[in-house]
């Protein structure tokens, strides 16, 4: 089963954030609770953990891209 990974809303005021880095590449195994990517917002970098275990199947944004909250940024294949 494929699961969409969304840009988390880290505060009530957050409308978007900048993708600071990916900690996994497409094709790599991701474990639940493992840091998947980092977001920069207001000069603070936050780690975002995966809520699913599986294989990172697709990413839709690159480091440095500004992404709106709740937008789909990646897909994990949980099969």
C-alpha atoms as a PDB file:
ATOM      1  CA  UNK A   1       0.000   0.000   0.000  1.00  0.00           C
ATOM      2  CA  UNK A   2       1.294   3.468  -0.872  1.00  0.00           C
ATOM      3  CA  UNK A   3       1.151   6.257   1.699  1.00  0.00           C
ATOM      4  CA  UNK A   4       1.386   9.945   0.843  1.00  0.00           C
ATOM      5  CA  UNK A   5       3.721  11.977   3.041  1.00  0.00           C
ATOM      6  CA  UNK A   6       2.514  15.538   3.616  1.00  0.00           C
ATOM      7  CA  UNK A   7       4.352  18.661   4.656  1.00  0.00           C
ATOM      8  CA  UNK A   8       3.549  18.897   8.354  1.00  0.00           C
ATOM      9  CA  UNK A   9       2.090  22.039   9.855  1.00  0.00           C
ATOM     10  CA  UNK A  10       4.488  22.655  12.736  1.00  0.00           C
ATOM     11  CA  UNK A  11       2.601  25.634  14.186  1.00  0.00           C
ATOM     12  CA  UNK A  12      -0.798  27.257  13.815  1.00  0.00           C
ATOM     13  CA  UNK A  13       0.756  30.173  11.938  1.00  0.00           C
ATOM     14  CA  UNK A  14       2.762  27.993   9.535  1.00  0.00           C
ATOM     15  CA  UNK A  15       1.672  28.377   5.934  1.00  0.00           C
ATOM     16  CA  UNK A  16       4.822  26.944   4.340  1.00  0.00           C
ATOM     17  CA  UNK A  17       8.364  25.831   5.073  1.00  0.00           C
ATOM     18  CA  UNK A  18      11.602  25.241   3.196  1.00  0.00           C
ATOM     19  CA  UNK A  19      12.808  21.692   2.661  1.00  0.00           C
ATOM     20  CA  UNK A  20      16.243  21.845   4.271  1.00  0.00           C
ATOM     21  CA  UNK A  21      17.328  18.268   3.506  1.00  0.00           C
ATOM     22  CA  UNK A  22      16.255  14.745   2.688  1.00  0.00           C
ATOM     23  CA  UNK A  23      17.729  12.087   4.974  1.00  0.00           C
ATOM     24  CA  UNK A  24      16.710   9.264   2.614  1.00  0.00           C
ATOM     25  CA  UNK A  25      16.900   8.793  -1.139  1.00  0.00           C
ATOM     26  CA  UNK A  26      14.318   7.256  -3.461  1.00  0.00           C
ATOM     27  CA  UNK A  27      14.584   3.466  -3.245  1.00  0.00           C
ATOM     28  CA  UNK A  28      15.887   3.399   0.332  1.00  0.00           C
ATOM     29  CA  UNK A  29      14.126   1.628   3.193  1.00  0.00           C
ATOM     30  CA  UNK A  30      12.532   3.945   5.772  1.00  0.00           C
ATOM     31  CA  UNK A  31      11.650   2.796   9.282  1.00  0.00           C
ATOM     32  CA  UNK A  32       8.806   4.290  11.299  1.00  0.00           C
ATOM     33  CA  UNK A  33      10.261   6.920  13.662  1.00  0.00           C
ATOM     34  CA  UNK A  34      13.350   7.481  11.528  1.00  0.00           C
ATOM     35  CA  UNK A  35      14.097  11.073  10.426  1.00  0.00           C
ATOM     36  CA  UNK A  36      12.933  11.346   6.823  1.00  0.00           C
ATOM     37  CA  UNK A  37      13.564  15.035   6.108  1.00  0.00           C
ATOM     38  CA  UNK A  38      14.235  18.416   7.725  1.00  0.00           C
ATOM     39  CA  UNK A  39      12.206  21.609   7.379  1.00  0.00           C
ATOM     40  CA  UNK A  40      13.408  25.166   7.934  1.00  0.00           C
ATOM     41  CA  UNK A  41      10.885  27.694   9.173  1.00  0.00           C
ATOM     42  CA  UNK A  42      11.724  31.081  10.709  1.00  0.00           C
ATOM     43  CA  UNK A  43      15.444  30.148  10.769  1.00  0.00           C
ATOM     44  CA  UNK A  44      14.713  27.025  12.855  1.00  0.00           C
ATOM     45  CA  UNK A  45      15.354  23.575  11.393  1.00  0.00           C
ATOM     46  CA  UNK A  46      13.034  20.778  12.525  1.00  0.00           C
ATOM     47  CA  UNK A  47      13.442  17.056  11.911  1.00  0.00           C
ATOM     48  CA  UNK A  48      10.394  15.200  10.595  1.00  0.00           C
ATOM     49  CA  UNK A  49      10.108  11.505  11.401  1.00  0.00           C
ATOM     50  CA  UNK A  50       8.413   8.969   9.171  1.00  0.00           C
ATOM     51  CA  UNK A  51       5.024   7.765  10.385  1.00  0.00           C
ATOM     52  CA  UNK A  52       5.327   4.659   8.159  1.00  0.00           C
ATOM     53  CA  UNK A  53       7.835   1.912   7.418  1.00  0.00           C
ATOM     54  CA  UNK A  54       8.520   0.993   3.807  1.00  0.00           C
ATOM     55  CA  UNK A  55      10.479   2.092   0.752  1.00  0.00           C
ATOM     56  CA  UNK A  56      10.685   5.749  -0.269  1.00  0.00           C
ATOM     57  CA  UNK A  57       9.120   5.502  -3.715  1.00  0.00           C
ATOM     58  CA  UNK A  58       8.941   9.120  -4.896  1.00  0.00           C
ATOM     59  CA  UNK A  59       9.820  12.651  -3.805  1.00  0.00           C
ATOM     60  CA  UNK A  60       8.179  15.680  -5.386  1.00  0.00           C
ATOM     61  CA  UNK A  61      10.408  18.468  -4.053  1.00  0.00           C
ATOM     62  CA  UNK A  62      14.113  19.194  -3.805  1.00  0.00           C
ATOM     63  CA  UNK A  63      16.167  20.725  -1.017  1.00  0.00           C
ATOM     64  CA  UNK A  64      15.619  24.483  -0.941  1.00  0.00           C
ATOM     65  CA  UNK A  65      12.038  24.313  -2.239  1.00  0.00           C
ATOM     66  CA  UNK A  66       9.341  26.205  -0.348  1.00  0.00           C
ATOM     67  CA  UNK A  67       6.403  23.891   0.306  1.00  0.00           C
ATOM     68  CA  UNK A  68       2.909  24.721   1.526  1.00  0.00           C
ATOM     69  CA  UNK A  69       1.671  23.025   4.702  1.00  0.00           C
ATOM     70  CA  UNK A  70      -0.254  19.777   4.043  1.00  0.00           C
ATOM     71  CA  UNK A  71       1.058  19.491   0.462  1.00  0.00           C
ATOM     72  CA  UNK A  72       2.100  15.962  -0.578  1.00  0.00           C
ATOM     73  CA  UNK A  73       5.883  15.836  -0.775  1.00  0.00           C
ATOM     74  CA  UNK A  74       6.675  12.125  -1.056  1.00  0.00           C
ATOM     75  CA  UNK A  75       5.276   8.592  -1.298  1.00  0.00           C
ATOM     76  CA  UNK A  76       6.285   5.560   0.779  1.00  0.00           C
ATOM     77  CA  UNK A  77       5.427   2.064  -0.427  1.00  0.00           C
ATOM     78  CA  UNK A  78       4.491   0.105   2.717  1.00  0.00           C
ATOM     79  CA  UNK A  79       4.085  -3.340   1.067  1.00  0.00           C
END
